C-alpha atoms as a PDB file:
ATOM      1  CA  UNK A   1      -0.112  -0.118   0.190  1.00  0.00           C
ATOM      2  CA  UNK A   2       1.237   3.228  -0.911  1.00  0.00           C
ATOM      3  CA  UNK A   3       1.462   6.116   1.374  1.00  0.00           C
ATOM      4  CA  UNK A   4      -0.710   8.101  -1.433  1.00  0.00           C
ATOM      5  CA  UNK A   5      -3.420   5.822  -0.460  1.00  0.00           C
ATOM      6  CA  UNK A   6      -3.654   6.619   2.944  1.00  0.00           C
ATOM      7  CA  UNK A   7      -5.795   9.884   4.694  1.00  0.00           C
ATOM      8  CA  UNK A   8      -5.144  13.001   3.110  1.00  0.00           C
ATOM      9  CA  UNK A   9      -3.741  15.873   5.277  1.00  0.00           C
ATOM     10  CA  UNK A  10      -6.860  17.033   5.848  1.00  0.00           C
ATOM     11  CA  UNK A  11      -8.824  14.078   6.447  1.00  0.00           C
ATOM     12  CA  UNK A  12      -5.988  13.528   8.967  1.00  0.00           C
ATOM     13  CA  UNK A  13      -7.210  16.376  10.956  1.00  0.00           C
ATOM     14  CA  UNK A  14     -10.479  15.660  10.762  1.00  0.00           C
ATOM     15  CA  UNK A  15      -9.717  12.650  12.174  1.00  0.00           C
ATOM     16  CA  UNK A  16      -7.686  13.654  15.139  1.00  0.00           C
ATOM     17  CA  UNK A  17     -10.892  16.390  15.864  1.00  0.00           C
ATOM     18  CA  UNK A  18     -12.956  13.392  16.113  1.00  0.00           C
ATOM     19  CA  UNK A  19     -10.330  11.790  18.559  1.00  0.00           C
ATOM     20  CA  UNK A  20      -8.635   9.247  16.408  1.00  0.00           C
ATOM     21  CA  UNK A  21      -5.847   8.556  13.995  1.00  0.00           C
ATOM     22  CA  UNK A  22      -4.797   6.248  11.565  1.00  0.00           C
ATOM     23  CA  UNK A  23      -1.360   4.175  12.422  1.00  0.00           C
ATOM     24  CA  UNK A  24       1.266   1.928  11.550  1.00  0.00           C
ATOM     25  CA  UNK A  25       1.694  -0.825  13.873  1.00  0.00           C
ATOM     26  CA  UNK A  26       4.261  -3.658  13.788  1.00  0.00           C
ATOM     27  CA  UNK A  27       2.540  -6.753  14.717  1.00  0.00           C
ATOM     28  CA  UNK A  28       4.826  -9.142  16.594  1.00  0.00           C
ATOM     29  CA  UNK A  29       2.760 -12.035  15.821  1.00  0.00           C
ATOM     30  CA  UNK A  30       3.136 -12.166  12.008  1.00  0.00           C
ATOM     31  CA  UNK A  31       6.134  -9.571  11.679  1.00  0.00           C
ATOM     32  CA  UNK A  32       4.650  -7.333   9.381  1.00  0.00           C
ATOM     33  CA  UNK A  33       3.328  -3.606   9.859  1.00  0.00           C
ATOM     34  CA  UNK A  34      -0.298  -2.990   9.636  1.00  0.00           C
ATOM     35  CA  UNK A  35      -2.696  -0.227   9.937  1.00  0.00           C
ATOM     36  CA  UNK A  36      -4.958   0.517  13.455  1.00  0.00           C
ATOM     37  CA  UNK A  37      -7.197   3.055  14.342  1.00  0.00           C
ATOM     38  CA  UNK A  38      -6.011   4.783  17.520  1.00  0.00           C
ATOM     39  CA  UNK A  39      -7.698   7.204  20.302  1.00  0.00           C
ATOM     40  CA  UNK A  40      -7.776   7.637  23.568  1.00  0.00           C
ATOM     41  CA  UNK A  41      -8.920   6.408  26.310  1.00  0.00           C
ATOM     42  CA  UNK A  42      -8.880   2.916  24.446  1.00  0.00           C
ATOM     43  CA  UNK A  43      -8.376   1.910  20.711  1.00  0.00           C
ATOM     44  CA  UNK A  44     -10.546  -0.603  21.366  1.00  0.00           C
ATOM     45  CA  UNK A  45     -13.305   1.985  22.348  1.00  0.00           C
ATOM     46  CA  UNK A  46     -12.443   4.357  19.428  1.00  0.00           C
ATOM     47  CA  UNK A  47     -12.405   1.382  16.958  1.00  0.00           C
ATOM     48  CA  UNK A  48     -16.115   0.516  17.896  1.00  0.00           C
ATOM     49  CA  UNK A  49     -16.765   4.310  17.676  1.00  0.00           C
ATOM     50  CA  UNK A  50     -15.588   4.687  14.266  1.00  0.00           C
ATOM     51  CA  UNK A  51     -17.194   1.726  12.826  1.00  0.00           C
ATOM     52  CA  UNK A  52     -20.414   2.995  14.305  1.00  0.00           C
ATOM     53  CA  UNK A  53     -19.763   6.287  12.389  1.00  0.00           C
ATOM     54  CA  UNK A  54     -19.283   4.063   9.457  1.00  0.00           C
ATOM     55  CA  UNK A  55     -22.366   2.504   9.864  1.00  0.00           C
ATOM     56  CA  UNK A  56     -24.087   6.120  10.380  1.00  0.00           C
ATOM     57  CA  UNK A  57     -22.177   6.894   6.715  1.00  0.00           C
ATOM     58  CA  UNK A  58     -19.986   9.131   8.039  1.00  0.00           C
ATOM     59  CA  UNK A  59     -17.270   8.569   5.069  1.00  0.00           C
ATOM     60  CA  UNK A  60     -14.136   9.295   6.805  1.00  0.00           C
ATOM     61  CA  UNK A  61     -14.616   6.344   8.980  1.00  0.00           C
ATOM     62  CA  UNK A  62     -15.418   4.405   5.787  1.00  0.00           C
ATOM     63  CA  UNK A  63     -11.973   5.232   4.255  1.00  0.00           C
ATOM     64  CA  UNK A  64     -10.456   4.288   7.082  1.00  0.00           C
ATOM     65  CA  UNK A  65     -11.944   0.716   7.645  1.00  0.00           C
ATOM     66  CA  UNK A  66     -11.275   0.266   4.325  1.00  0.00           C
ATOM     67  CA  UNK A  67      -7.576   1.126   4.706  1.00  0.00           C
ATOM     68  CA  UNK A  68      -7.390  -0.969   7.925  1.00  0.00           C
ATOM     69  CA  UNK A  69      -8.802  -3.982   6.344  1.00  0.00           C
ATOM     70  CA  UNK A  70      -7.016  -3.931   3.094  1.00  0.00           C
ATOM     71  CA  UNK A  71      -3.553  -3.589   5.230  1.00  0.00           C
ATOM     72  CA  UNK A  72      -4.680  -7.285   7.041  1.00  0.00           C
ATOM     73  CA  UNK A  73      -5.403  -8.680   4.024  1.00  0.00           C
ATOM     74  CA  UNK A  74      -2.277  -7.648   2.471  1.00  0.00           C
ATOM     75  CA  UNK A  75      -0.501  -8.144   5.339  1.00  0.00           C
ATOM     76  CA  UNK A  76       1.862  -5.332   4.664  1.00  0.00           C
ATOM     77  CA  UNK A  77       1.506  -1.477   4.703  1.00  0.00           C
END
């Protein structure tokens, strides 16, 4: 996945305003880089919120989830 396929600068700022970000994380189990949604108070809670936002039609949340799923299927970022 090339860098151009990730969030734009404006999308990154919008995500930050919503309390989350899309980050590269190294998965020790698979020894590969993956994309993951991170945020506070916990990434699990933020991930659930982003899923809810995507279900409600939020285009940014949908794009982020699509990128995360693509990174999981490809095994690399």
